[in-house]
Amino acid sequence: MYPSQLSNDERLYGMLCHVLAFVGFVIPLGSIIGPLVIWLIKREQYAYVDAQGKESLNFQISILIYGIISSILIIIFIGILTSIIIGIAWIILTIIGTIRAYEGRHYQYPLTIRFIK
């Protein structure tokens, strides 16, 4: 589907699937809960939101796993560096995903484990 064929609502809800990951700054596991709520509510109504919701959820779950592994690696000090890299990458990639979704373009995060297909 081309961006011009998407309604404003589709683009808005697609964008919300990405930007609501920042709820994780306020609520524990909010980075997963925010996109999950939008995806569950709107996935049946809009195919674009279904695709972007899955992509966002897969990325957020992957980042959570990478963060847990990185936290364990703090014991051998490499985890400090990996935690910083993961945090910066999470913020930047989530912003890129948000912008691309609002533009109506399908966005796939790099290094994402596809849990939800």
PDB file of N, CA and C in Angstrom:
ATOM      1  N   MET A   1       0.849  -1.178   0.000  1.00  0.00           N
ATOM      2  CA  MET A   1       0.000   0.000   0.000  1.00  0.00           C
ATOM      3  C   MET A   1       0.892   1.236   0.000  1.00  0.00           C
ATOM      4  N   TYR A   2       0.580   2.185  -0.846  1.00  0.00           N
ATOM      5  CA  TYR A   2       1.370   3.392  -0.951  1.00  0.00           C
ATOM      6  C   TYR A   2       0.882   4.422   0.065  1.00  0.00           C
ATOM      7  N   PRO A   3       1.786   5.313   0.517  1.00  0.00           N
ATOM      8  CA  PRO A   3       1.400   6.300   1.527  1.00  0.00           C
ATOM      9  C   PRO A   3       0.174   7.111   1.159  1.00  0.00           C
ATOM     10  N   SER A   4       0.002   7.426  -0.116  1.00  0.00           N
ATOM     11  CA  SER A   4      -1.140   8.249  -0.519  1.00  0.00           C
ATOM     12  C   SER A   4      -2.465   7.492  -0.384  1.00  0.00           C
ATOM     13  N   GLN A   5      -2.408   6.164  -0.311  1.00  0.00           N
ATOM     14  CA  GLN A   5      -3.624   5.370  -0.185  1.00  0.00           C
ATOM     15  C   GLN A   5      -4.051   5.175   1.266  1.00  0.00           C
ATOM     16  N   LEU A   6      -3.226   5.604   2.188  1.00  0.00           N
ATOM     17  CA  LEU A   6      -3.550   5.432   3.606  1.00  0.00           C
ATOM     18  C   LEU A   6      -4.346   6.630   4.111  1.00  0.00           C
ATOM     19  N   SER A   7      -5.320   6.351   4.960  1.00  0.00           N
ATOM     20  CA  SER A   7      -6.087   7.448   5.559  1.00  0.00           C
ATOM     21  C   SER A   7      -5.254   8.091   6.664  1.00  0.00           C
ATOM     22  N   ASN A   8      -5.666   9.267   7.078  1.00  0.00           N
ATOM     23  CA  ASN A   8      -4.983   9.954   8.181  1.00  0.00           C
ATOM     24  C   ASN A   8      -5.054   9.121   9.460  1.00  0.00           C
ATOM     25  N   ASP A   9      -6.187   8.446   9.675  1.00  0.00           N
ATOM     26  CA  ASP A   9      -6.325   7.614  10.873  1.00  0.00           C
ATOM     27  C   ASP A   9      -5.336   6.450  10.854  1.00  0.00           C
ATOM     28  N   GLU A  10      -5.187   5.821   9.692  1.00  0.00           N
ATOM     29  CA  GLU A  10      -4.234   4.705   9.584  1.00  0.00           C
ATOM     30  C   GLU A  10      -2.819   5.174   9.906  1.00  0.00           C
ATOM     31  N   ARG A  11      -2.434   6.304   9.350  1.00  0.00           N
ATOM     32  CA  ARG A  11      -1.095   6.830   9.605  1.00  0.00           C
ATOM     33  C   ARG A  11      -0.941   7.228  11.066  1.00  0.00           C
ATOM     34  N   LEU A  12      -1.968   7.838  11.644  1.00  0.00           N
ATOM     35  CA  LEU A  12      -1.914   8.246  13.048  1.00  0.00           C
ATOM     36  C   LEU A  12      -1.762   7.036  13.971  1.00  0.00           C
ATOM     37  N   TYR A  13      -2.593   6.029  13.787  1.00  0.00           N
ATOM     38  CA  TYR A  13      -2.512   4.853  14.652  1.00  0.00           C
ATOM     39  C   TYR A  13      -1.230   4.052  14.392  1.00  0.00           C
ATOM     40  N   GLY A  14      -0.770   4.038  13.153  1.00  0.00           N
ATOM     41  CA  GLY A  14       0.507   3.402  12.849  1.00  0.00           C
ATOM     42  C   GLY A  14       1.645   4.095  13.580  1.00  0.00           C
ATOM     43  N   MET A  15       1.602   5.424  13.586  1.00  0.00           N
ATOM     44  CA  MET A  15       2.609   6.208  14.299  1.00  0.00           C
ATOM     45  C   MET A  15       2.530   5.964  15.801  1.00  0.00           C
ATOM     46  N   LEU A  16       1.308   5.898  16.334  1.00  0.00           N
ATOM     47  CA  LEU A  16       1.142   5.669  17.772  1.00  0.00           C
ATOM     48  C   LEU A  16       1.724   4.323  18.206  1.00  0.00           C
ATOM     49  N   CYS A  17       1.677   3.341  17.327  1.00  0.00           N
ATOM     50  CA  CYS A  17       2.270   2.037  17.645  1.00  0.00           C
ATOM     51  C   CYS A  17       3.759   2.170  17.946  1.00  0.00           C
ATOM     52  N   HIS A  18       4.405   3.141  17.335  1.00  0.00           N
ATOM     53  CA  HIS A  18       5.836   3.346  17.555  1.00  0.00           C
ATOM     54  C   HIS A  18       6.097   4.328  18.705  1.00  0.00           C
ATOM     55  N   VAL A  19       5.444   5.481  18.664  1.00  0.00           N
ATOM     56  CA  VAL A  19       5.759   6.539  19.628  1.00  0.00           C
ATOM     57  C   VAL A  19       5.348   6.178  21.059  1.00  0.00           C
ATOM     58  N   LEU A  20       4.323   5.349  21.207  1.00  0.00           N
ATOM     59  CA  LEU A  20       3.901   4.982  22.561  1.00  0.00           C
ATOM     60  C   LEU A  20       4.904   4.078  23.266  1.00  0.00           C
ATOM     61  N   ALA A  21       5.939   3.663  22.566  1.00  0.00           N
ATOM     62  CA  ALA A  21       7.016   2.914  23.217  1.00  0.00           C
ATOM     63  C   ALA A  21       7.706   3.792  24.262  1.00  0.00           C
ATOM     64  N   PHE A  22       7.645   5.108  24.088  1.00  0.00           N
ATOM     65  CA  PHE A  22       8.266   6.014  25.047  1.00  0.00           C
ATOM     66  C   PHE A  22       7.521   6.075  26.374  1.00  0.00           C
ATOM     67  N   VAL A  23       6.370   5.437  26.458  1.00  0.00           N
ATOM     68  CA  VAL A  23       5.666   5.311  27.734  1.00  0.00           C
ATOM     69  C   VAL A  23       6.551   4.531  28.721  1.00  0.00           C
ATOM     70  N   GLY A  24       7.493   3.761  28.183  1.00  0.00           N
ATOM     71  CA  GLY A  24       8.426   3.006  29.010  1.00  0.00           C
ATOM     72  C   GLY A  24       9.287   3.884  29.908  1.00  0.00           C
ATOM     73  N   PHE A  25       9.405   5.178  29.594  1.00  0.00           N
ATOM     74  CA  PHE A  25      10.129   6.091  30.466  1.00  0.00           C
ATOM     75  C   PHE A  25       9.360   6.353  31.753  1.00  0.00           C
ATOM     76  N   VAL A  26       8.047   6.152  31.730  1.00  0.00           N
ATOM     77  CA  VAL A  26       7.187   6.472  32.863  1.00  0.00           C
ATOM     78  C   VAL A  26       6.666   5.219  33.570  1.00  0.00           C
ATOM     79  N   ILE A  27       6.297   4.210  32.796  1.00  0.00           N
ATOM     80  CA  ILE A  27       5.682   2.997  33.331  1.00  0.00           C
ATOM     81  C   ILE A  27       6.583   1.796  33.023  1.00  0.00           C
ATOM     82  N   PRO A  28       6.887   0.978  34.011  1.00  0.00           N
ATOM     83  CA  PRO A  28       7.668  -0.224  33.724  1.00  0.00           C
ATOM     84  C   PRO A  28       6.953  -1.080  32.670  1.00  0.00           C
ATOM     85  N   LEU A  29       7.694  -1.550  31.703  1.00  0.00           N
ATOM     86  CA  LEU A  29       7.204  -2.321  30.561  1.00  0.00           C
ATOM     87  C   LEU A  29       6.230  -1.530  29.679  1.00  0.00           C
ATOM     88  N   GLY A  30       6.178  -0.230  29.873  1.00  0.00           N
ATOM     89  CA  GLY A  30       5.307   0.622  29.066  1.00  0.00           C
ATOM     90  C   GLY A  30       5.701   0.633  27.606  1.00  0.00           C
ATOM     91  N   SER A  31       6.976   0.353  27.327  1.00  0.00           N
ATOM     92  CA  SER A  31       7.420   0.328  25.933  1.00  0.00           C
ATOM     93  C   SER A  31       6.774  -0.823  25.159  1.00  0.00           C
ATOM     94  N   ILE A  32       6.286  -1.812  25.877  1.00  0.00           N
ATOM     95  CA  ILE A  32       5.562  -2.918  25.243  1.00  0.00           C
ATOM     96  C   ILE A  32       4.056  -2.701  25.380  1.00  0.00           C
ATOM     97  N   ILE A  33       3.624  -2.232  26.521  1.00  0.00           N
ATOM     98  CA  ILE A  33       2.192  -2.055  26.789  1.00  0.00           C
ATOM     99  C   ILE A  33       1.570  -1.003  25.869  1.00  0.00           C
ATOM    100  N   GLY A  34       2.249   0.133  25.666  1.00  0.00           N
ATOM    101  CA  GLY A  34       1.715   1.201  24.816  1.00  0.00           C
ATOM    102  C   GLY A  34       1.408   0.729  23.401  1.00  0.00           C
ATOM    103  N   PRO A  35       2.413   0.200  22.677  1.00  0.00           N
ATOM    104  CA  PRO A  35       2.135  -0.289  21.325  1.00  0.00           C
ATOM    105  C   PRO A  35       1.140  -1.454  21.306  1.00  0.00           C
ATOM    106  N   LEU A  36       1.181  -2.296  22.320  1.00  0.00           N
ATOM    107  CA  LEU A  36       0.284  -3.448  22.387  1.00  0.00           C
ATOM    108  C   LEU A  36      -1.176  -3.014  22.439  1.00  0.00           C
ATOM    109  N   VAL A  37      -1.472  -1.994  23.221  1.00  0.00           N
ATOM    110  CA  VAL A  37      -2.851  -1.516  23.351  1.00  0.00           C
ATOM    111  C   VAL A  37      -3.378  -1.014  22.007  1.00  0.00           C
ATOM    112  N   ILE A  38      -2.599  -0.168  21.333  1.00  0.00           N
ATOM    113  CA  ILE A  38      -3.040   0.358  20.030  1.00  0.00           C
ATOM    114  C   ILE A  38      -3.195  -0.778  19.032  1.00  0.00           C
ATOM    115  N   TRP A  39      -2.231  -1.685  19.003  1.00  0.00           N
ATOM    116  CA  TRP A  39      -2.278  -2.803  18.053  1.00  0.00           C
ATOM    117  C   TRP A  39      -3.504  -3.674  18.292  1.00  0.00           C
ATOM    118  N   LEU A  40      -3.783  -3.999  19.550  1.00  0.00           N
ATOM    119  CA  LEU A  40      -4.935  -4.854  19.846  1.00  0.00           C
ATOM    120  C   LEU A  40      -6.261  -4.180  19.492  1.00  0.00           C
ATOM    121  N   ILE A  41      -6.336  -2.882  19.678  1.00  0.00           N
ATOM    122  CA  ILE A  41      -7.579  -2.159  19.405  1.00  0.00           C
ATOM    123  C   ILE A  41      -7.821  -1.964  17.908  1.00  0.00           C
ATOM    124  N   LYS A  42      -6.768  -1.668  17.142  1.00  0.00           N
ATOM    125  CA  LYS A  42      -6.941  -1.245  15.747  1.00  0.00           C
ATOM    126  C   LYS A  42      -6.457  -2.247  14.695  1.00  0.00           C
ATOM    127  N   ARG A  43      -5.911  -3.374  15.087  1.00  0.00           N
ATOM    128  CA  ARG A  43      -5.352  -4.310  14.097  1.00  0.00           C
ATOM    129  C   ARG A  43      -6.400  -4.889  13.154  1.00  0.00           C
ATOM    130  N   GLU A  44      -7.612  -5.081  13.635  1.00  0.00           N
ATOM    131  CA  GLU A  44      -8.683  -5.633  12.795  1.00  0.00           C
ATOM    132  C   GLU A  44      -9.200  -4.588  11.799  1.00  0.00           C
ATOM    133  N   GLN A  45      -9.122  -3.338  12.205  1.00  0.00           N
ATOM    134  CA  GLN A  45      -9.688  -2.263  11.396  1.00  0.00           C
ATOM    135  C   GLN A  45      -8.745  -1.811  10.273  1.00  0.00           C
ATOM    136  N   TYR A  46      -7.434  -1.790  10.551  1.00  0.00           N
ATOM    137  CA  TYR A  46      -6.468  -1.286   9.585  1.00  0.00           C
ATOM    138  C   TYR A  46      -5.309  -2.266   9.415  1.00  0.00           C
ATOM    139  N   ALA A  47      -5.084  -2.715   8.190  1.00  0.00           N
ATOM    140  CA  ALA A  47      -3.964  -3.632   7.901  1.00  0.00           C
ATOM    141  C   ALA A  47      -2.623  -2.948   8.161  1.00  0.00           C
ATOM    142  N   TYR A  48      -2.533  -1.652   7.871  1.00  0.00           N
ATOM    143  CA  TYR A  48      -1.292  -0.909   8.095  1.00  0.00           C
ATOM    144  C   TYR A  48      -0.941  -0.862   9.577  1.00  0.00           C
ATOM    145  N   VAL A  49      -1.931  -0.628  10.405  1.00  0.00           N
ATOM    146  CA  VAL A  49      -1.714  -0.587  11.855  1.00  0.00           C
ATOM    147  C   VAL A  49      -1.337  -1.981  12.362  1.00  0.00           C
ATOM    148  N   ASP A  50      -1.935  -3.004  11.797  1.00  0.00           N
ATOM    149  CA  ASP A  50      -1.578  -4.376  12.163  1.00  0.00           C
ATOM    150  C   ASP A  50      -0.096  -4.624  11.885  1.00  0.00           C
ATOM    151  N   ALA A  51       0.369  -4.253  10.707  1.00  0.00           N
ATOM    152  CA  ALA A  51       1.773  -4.473  10.331  1.00  0.00           C
ATOM    153  C   ALA A  51       2.722  -3.643  11.189  1.00  0.00           C
ATOM    154  N   GLN A  52       2.396  -2.373  11.387  1.00  0.00           N
ATOM    155  CA  GLN A  52       3.274  -1.507  12.176  1.00  0.00           C
ATOM    156  C   GLN A  52       3.245  -1.872  13.664  1.00  0.00           C
ATOM    157  N   GLY A  53       2.099  -2.298  14.151  1.00  0.00           N
ATOM    158  CA  GLY A  53       1.999  -2.736  15.547  1.00  0.00           C
ATOM    159  C   GLY A  53       2.846  -3.966  15.810  1.00  0.00           C
ATOM    160  N   LYS A  54       2.798  -4.919  14.903  1.00  0.00           N
ATOM    161  CA  LYS A  54       3.624  -6.122  15.040  1.00  0.00           C
ATOM    162  C   LYS A  54       5.106  -5.758  15.008  1.00  0.00           C
ATOM    163  N   GLU A  55       5.458  -4.891  14.087  1.00  0.00           N
ATOM    164  CA  GLU A  55       6.858  -4.484  13.958  1.00  0.00           C
ATOM    165  C   GLU A  55       7.347  -3.789  15.225  1.00  0.00           C
ATOM    166  N   SER A  56       6.538  -2.871  15.737  1.00  0.00           N
ATOM    167  CA  SER A  56       6.914  -2.160  16.946  1.00  0.00           C
ATOM    168  C   SER A  56       7.008  -3.109  18.147  1.00  0.00           C
ATOM    169  N   LEU A  57       6.042  -3.972  18.288  1.00  0.00           N
ATOM    170  CA  LEU A  57       6.070  -4.928  19.410  1.00  0.00           C
ATOM    171  C   LEU A  57       7.270  -5.862  19.326  1.00  0.00           C
ATOM    172  N   ASN A  58       7.558  -6.370  18.143  1.00  0.00           N
ATOM    173  CA  ASN A  58       8.712  -7.241  17.979  1.00  0.00           C
ATOM    174  C   ASN A  58      10.005  -6.518  18.362  1.00  0.00           C
ATOM    175  N   PHE A  59      10.122  -5.262  17.953  1.00  0.00           N
ATOM    176  CA  PHE A  59      11.321  -4.489  18.285  1.00  0.00           C
ATOM    177  C   PHE A  59      11.407  -4.234  19.784  1.00  0.00           C
ATOM    178  N   GLN A  60      10.298  -3.844  20.394  1.00  0.00           N
ATOM    179  CA  GLN A  60      10.328  -3.537  21.826  1.00  0.00           C
ATOM    180  C   GLN A  60      10.647  -4.779  22.658  1.00  0.00           C
ATOM    181  N   ILE A  61      10.101  -5.913  22.275  1.00  0.00           N
ATOM    182  CA  ILE A  61      10.401  -7.158  22.980  1.00  0.00           C
ATOM    183  C   ILE A  61      11.871  -7.528  22.777  1.00  0.00           C
ATOM    184  N   SER A  62      12.371  -7.363  21.559  1.00  0.00           N
ATOM    185  CA  SER A  62      13.781  -7.643  21.276  1.00  0.00           C
ATOM    186  C   SER A  62      14.695  -6.751  22.106  1.00  0.00           C
ATOM    187  N   ILE A  63      14.380  -5.457  22.175  1.00  0.00           N
ATOM    188  CA  ILE A  63      15.185  -4.522  22.964  1.00  0.00           C
ATOM    189  C   ILE A  63      15.156  -4.906  24.438  1.00  0.00           C
ATOM    190  N   LEU A  64      14.008  -5.341  24.944  1.00  0.00           N
ATOM    191  CA  LEU A  64      13.914  -5.785  26.333  1.00  0.00           C
ATOM    192  C   LEU A  64      14.859  -6.959  26.575  1.00  0.00           C
ATOM    193  N   ILE A  65      14.863  -7.917  25.666  1.00  0.00           N
ATOM    194  CA  ILE A  65      15.748  -9.081  25.795  1.00  0.00           C
ATOM    195  C   ILE A  65      17.209  -8.647  25.726  1.00  0.00           C
ATOM    196  N   TYR A  66      17.543  -7.786  24.764  1.00  0.00           N
ATOM    197  CA  TYR A  66      18.921  -7.302  24.656  1.00  0.00           C
ATOM    198  C   TYR A  66      19.330  -6.549  25.923  1.00  0.00           C
ATOM    199  N   GLY A  67      18.406  -5.789  26.483  1.00  0.00           N
ATOM    200  CA  GLY A  67      18.688  -5.054  27.718  1.00  0.00           C
ATOM    201  C   GLY A  67      18.939  -5.969  28.899  1.00  0.00           C
ATOM    202  N   ILE A  68      18.167  -7.038  28.995  1.00  0.00           N
ATOM    203  CA  ILE A  68      18.372  -8.007  30.084  1.00  0.00           C
ATOM    204  C   ILE A  68      19.742  -8.671  29.944  1.00  0.00           C
ATOM    205  N   ILE A  69      20.076  -9.075  28.731  1.00  0.00           N
ATOM    206  CA  ILE A  69      21.385  -9.698  28.495  1.00  0.00           C
ATOM    207  C   ILE A  69      22.503  -8.704  28.808  1.00  0.00           C
ATOM    208  N   SER A  70      22.320  -7.463  28.389  1.00  0.00           N
ATOM    209  CA  SER A  70      23.312  -6.431  28.646  1.00  0.00           C
ATOM    210  C   SER A  70      23.473  -6.179  30.144  1.00  0.00           C
ATOM    211  N   SER A  71      22.365  -6.211  30.877  1.00  0.00           N
ATOM    212  CA  SER A  71      22.422  -6.029  32.332  1.00  0.00           C
ATOM    213  C   SER A  71      23.225  -7.148  32.996  1.00  0.00           C
ATOM    214  N   ILE A  72      23.062  -8.351  32.506  1.00  0.00           N
ATOM    215  CA  ILE A  72      23.825  -9.473  33.037  1.00  0.00           C
ATOM    216  C   ILE A  72      25.311  -9.294  32.720  1.00  0.00           C
ATOM    217  N   LEU A  73      25.615  -8.766  31.540  1.00  0.00           N
ATOM    218  CA  LEU A  73      27.004  -8.561  31.131  1.00  0.00           C
ATOM    219  C   LEU A  73      27.708  -7.444  31.888  1.00  0.00           C
ATOM    220  N   ILE A  74      26.962  -6.660  32.671  1.00  0.00           N
ATOM    221  CA  ILE A  74      27.587  -5.613  33.480  1.00  0.00           C
ATOM    222  C   ILE A  74      28.584  -6.234  34.460  1.00  0.00           C
ATOM    223  N   ILE A  75      28.360  -7.475  34.818  1.00  0.00           N
ATOM    224  CA  ILE A  75      29.274  -8.179  35.717  1.00  0.00           C
ATOM    225  C   ILE A  75      30.694  -8.181  35.144  1.00  0.00           C
ATOM    226  N   ILE A  76      30.813  -8.312  33.821  1.00  0.00           N
ATOM    227  CA  ILE A  76      32.148  -8.306  33.213  1.00  0.00           C
ATOM    228  C   ILE A  76      32.440  -6.967  32.522  1.00  0.00           C
ATOM    229  N   PHE A  77      31.741  -5.939  32.921  1.00  0.00           N
ATOM    230  CA  PHE A  77      31.947  -4.552  32.513  1.00  0.00           C
ATOM    231  C   PHE A  77      31.590  -4.224  31.063  1.00  0.00           C
ATOM    232  N   ILE A  78      31.530  -5.187  30.169  1.00  0.00           N
ATOM    233  CA  ILE A  78      31.145  -4.895  28.782  1.00  0.00           C
ATOM    234  C   ILE A  78      29.680  -4.463  28.720  1.00  0.00           C
ATOM    235  N   GLY A  79      28.898  -4.884  29.707  1.00  0.00           N
ATOM    236  CA  GLY A  79      27.477  -4.555  29.744  1.00  0.00           C
ATOM    237  C   GLY A  79      27.205  -3.074  29.888  1.00  0.00           C
ATOM    238  N   ILE A  80      28.135  -2.350  30.480  1.00  0.00           N
ATOM    239  CA  ILE A  80      27.956  -0.897  30.600  1.00  0.00           C
ATOM    240  C   ILE A  80      27.922  -0.273  29.214  1.00  0.00           C
ATOM    241  N   LEU A  81      28.888  -0.636  28.383  1.00  0.00           N
ATOM    242  CA  LEU A  81      28.944  -0.115  27.023  1.00  0.00           C
ATOM    243  C   LEU A  81      27.747  -0.579  26.192  1.00  0.00           C
ATOM    244  N   THR A  82      27.423  -1.866  26.281  1.00  0.00           N
ATOM    245  CA  THR A  82      26.296  -2.373  25.483  1.00  0.00           C
ATOM    246  C   THR A  82      24.975  -1.753  25.935  1.00  0.00           C
ATOM    247  N   SER A  83      24.827  -1.491  27.223  1.00  0.00           N
ATOM    248  CA  SER A  83      23.597  -0.851  27.714  1.00  0.00           C
ATOM    249  C   SER A  83      23.438   0.552  27.138  1.00  0.00           C
ATOM    250  N   ILE A  84      24.534   1.284  27.081  1.00  0.00           N
ATOM    251  CA  ILE A  84      24.491   2.639  26.512  1.00  0.00           C
ATOM    252  C   ILE A  84      24.144   2.577  25.026  1.00  0.00           C
ATOM    253  N   ILE A  85      24.785   1.671  24.309  1.00  0.00           N
ATOM    254  CA  ILE A  85      24.525   1.527  22.869  1.00  0.00           C
ATOM    255  C   ILE A  85      23.081   1.116  22.616  1.00  0.00           C
ATOM    256  N   ILE A  86      22.586   0.162  23.392  1.00  0.00           N
ATOM    257  CA  ILE A  86      21.200  -0.293  23.234  1.00  0.00           C
ATOM    258  C   ILE A  86      20.222   0.841  23.524  1.00  0.00           C
ATOM    259  N   GLY A  87      20.476   1.608  24.568  1.00  0.00           N
ATOM    260  CA  GLY A  87      19.595   2.726  24.916  1.00  0.00           C
ATOM    261  C   GLY A  87      19.534   3.787  23.839  1.00  0.00           C
ATOM    262  N   ILE A  88      20.698   4.164  23.316  1.00  0.00           N
ATOM    263  CA  ILE A  88      20.750   5.172  22.256  1.00  0.00           C
ATOM    264  C   ILE A  88      20.081   4.644  20.987  1.00  0.00           C
ATOM    265  N   ALA A  89      20.387   3.395  20.626  1.00  0.00           N
ATOM    266  CA  ALA A  89      19.782   2.795  19.427  1.00  0.00           C
ATOM    267  C   ALA A  89      18.264   2.717  19.576  1.00  0.00           C
ATOM    268  N   TRP A  90      17.784   2.363  20.767  1.00  0.00           N
ATOM    269  CA  TRP A  90      16.339   2.269  21.005  1.00  0.00           C
ATOM    270  C   TRP A  90      15.655   3.615  20.742  1.00  0.00           C
ATOM    271  N   ILE A  91      16.220   4.668  21.298  1.00  0.00           N
ATOM    272  CA  ILE A  91      15.616   5.998  21.126  1.00  0.00           C
ATOM    273  C   ILE A  91      15.634   6.415  19.651  1.00  0.00           C
ATOM    274  N   ILE A  92      16.778   6.299  19.008  1.00  0.00           N
ATOM    275  CA  ILE A  92      16.911   6.739  17.618  1.00  0.00           C
ATOM    276  C   ILE A  92      16.016   5.920  16.685  1.00  0.00           C
ATOM    277  N   LEU A  93      16.050   4.603  16.832  1.00  0.00           N
ATOM    278  CA  LEU A  93      15.255   3.754  15.933  1.00  0.00           C
ATOM    279  C   LEU A  93      13.756   3.921  16.164  1.00  0.00           C
ATOM    280  N   THR A  94      13.362   4.154  17.405  1.00  0.00           N
ATOM    281  CA  THR A  94      11.939   4.380  17.678  1.00  0.00           C
ATOM    282  C   THR A  94      11.475   5.696  17.058  1.00  0.00           C
ATOM    283  N   ILE A  95      12.312   6.708  17.111  1.00  0.00           N
ATOM    284  CA  ILE A  95      11.966   7.988  16.473  1.00  0.00           C
ATOM    285  C   ILE A  95      11.870   7.810  14.958  1.00  0.00           C
ATOM    286  N   ILE A  96      12.820   7.102  14.370  1.00  0.00           N
ATOM    287  CA  ILE A  96      12.772   6.852  12.930  1.00  0.00           C
ATOM    288  C   ILE A  96      11.510   6.076  12.567  1.00  0.00           C
ATOM    289  N   GLY A  97      11.180   5.039  13.344  1.00  0.00           N
ATOM    290  CA  GLY A  97       9.968   4.258  13.096  1.00  0.00           C
ATOM    291  C   GLY A  97       8.716   5.113  13.182  1.00  0.00           C
ATOM    292  N   THR A  98       8.686   6.012  14.151  1.00  0.00           N
ATOM    293  CA  THR A  98       7.545   6.908  14.326  1.00  0.00           C
ATOM    294  C   THR A  98       7.366   7.812  13.107  1.00  0.00           C
ATOM    295  N   ILE A  99       8.464   8.399  12.658  1.00  0.00           N
ATOM    296  CA  ILE A  99       8.401   9.307  11.511  1.00  0.00           C
ATOM    297  C   ILE A  99       7.978   8.558  10.248  1.00  0.00           C
ATOM    298  N   ARG A 100       8.596   7.416  10.013  1.00  0.00           N
ATOM    299  CA  ARG A 100       8.271   6.641   8.809  1.00  0.00           C
ATOM    300  C   ARG A 100       6.811   6.182   8.824  1.00  0.00           C
ATOM    301  N   ALA A 101       6.327   5.773   9.987  1.00  0.00           N
ATOM    302  CA  ALA A 101       4.936   5.326  10.081  1.00  0.00           C
ATOM    303  C   ALA A 101       3.983   6.489   9.802  1.00  0.00           C
ATOM    304  N   TYR A 102       4.300   7.669  10.305  1.00  0.00           N
ATOM    305  CA  TYR A 102       3.430   8.808  10.054  1.00  0.00           C
ATOM    306  C   TYR A 102       3.460   9.208   8.582  1.00  0.00           C
ATOM    307  N   GLU A 103       4.596   8.973   7.930  1.00  0.00           N
ATOM    308  CA  GLU A 103       4.687   9.230   6.493  1.00  0.00           C
ATOM    309  C   GLU A 103       3.908   8.190   5.695  1.00  0.00           C
ATOM    310  N   GLY A 104       3.511   7.110   6.356  1.00  0.00           N
ATOM    311  CA  GLY A 104       2.761   6.058   5.691  1.00  0.00           C
ATOM    312  C   GLY A 104       3.649   5.002   5.054  1.00  0.00           C
ATOM    313  N   ARG A 105       4.910   4.991   5.428  1.00  0.00           N
ATOM    314  CA  ARG A 105       5.861   4.019   4.878  1.00  0.00           C
ATOM    315  C   ARG A 105       6.028   2.864   5.853  1.00  0.00           C
ATOM    316  N   HIS A 106       6.108   1.662   5.312  1.00  0.00           N
ATOM    317  CA  HIS A 106       6.353   0.500   6.165  1.00  0.00           C
ATOM    318  C   HIS A 106       7.787   0.569   6.646  1.00  0.00           C
ATOM    319  N   TYR A 107       7.979   0.365   7.929  1.00  0.00           N
ATOM    320  CA  TYR A 107       9.315   0.439   8.514  1.00  0.00           C
ATOM    321  C   TYR A 107       9.628  -0.868   9.219  1.00  0.00           C
ATOM    322  N   GLN A 108      10.815  -1.391   8.962  1.00  0.00           N
ATOM    323  CA  GLN A 108      11.272  -2.588   9.652  1.00  0.00           C
ATOM    324  C   GLN A 108      12.506  -2.224  10.450  1.00  0.00           C
ATOM    325  N   TYR A 109      12.456  -2.499  11.741  1.00  0.00           N
ATOM    326  CA  TYR A 109      13.595  -2.241  12.613  1.00  0.00           C
ATOM    327  C   TYR A 109      14.703  -3.252  12.336  1.00  0.00           C
ATOM    328  N   PRO A 110      15.961  -2.809  12.396  1.00  0.00           N
ATOM    329  CA  PRO A 110      17.061  -3.769  12.256  1.00  0.00           C
ATOM    330  C   PRO A 110      17.239  -4.581  13.537  1.00  0.00           C
ATOM    331  N   LEU A 111      17.835  -5.751  13.408  1.00  0.00           N
ATOM    332  CA  LEU A 111      18.181  -6.618  14.539  1.00  0.00           C
ATOM    333  C   LEU A 111      16.978  -6.969  15.417  1.00  0.00           C
ATOM    334  N   THR A 112      15.845  -7.154  14.780  1.00  0.00           N
ATOM    335  CA  THR A 112      14.614  -7.466  15.497  1.00  0.00           C
ATOM    336  C   THR A 112      14.298  -8.938  15.365  1.00  0.00           C
ATOM    337  N   ILE A 113      13.971  -9.552  16.489  1.00  0.00           N
ATOM    338  CA  ILE A 113      13.524 -10.943  16.488  1.00  0.00           C
ATOM    339  C   ILE A 113      12.023 -10.928  16.201  1.00  0.00           C
ATOM    340  N   ARG A 114      11.574 -11.695  15.242  1.00  0.00           N
ATOM    341  CA  ARG A 114      10.162 -11.695  14.833  1.00  0.00           C
ATOM    342  C   ARG A 114       9.369 -12.692  15.688  1.00  0.00           C
ATOM    343  N   PHE A 115       8.881 -12.228  16.832  1.00  0.00           N
ATOM    344  CA  PHE A 115       8.067 -13.063  17.706  1.00  0.00           C
ATOM    345  C   PHE A 115       6.634 -13.158  17.191  1.00  0.00           C
ATOM    346  N   ILE A 116       6.103 -12.018  16.780  1.00  0.00           N
ATOM    347  CA  ILE A 116       4.728 -11.923  16.289  1.00  0.00           C
ATOM    348  C   ILE A 116       4.787 -11.830  14.775  1.00  0.00           C
ATOM    349  N   LYS A 117       4.142 -12.771  14.101  1.00  0.00           N
ATOM    350  CA  LYS A 117       4.219 -12.768  12.637  1.00  0.00           C
ATOM    351  C   LYS A 117       2.901 -12.431  12.007  1.00  0.00           C
TER     352      LYS A 117
END
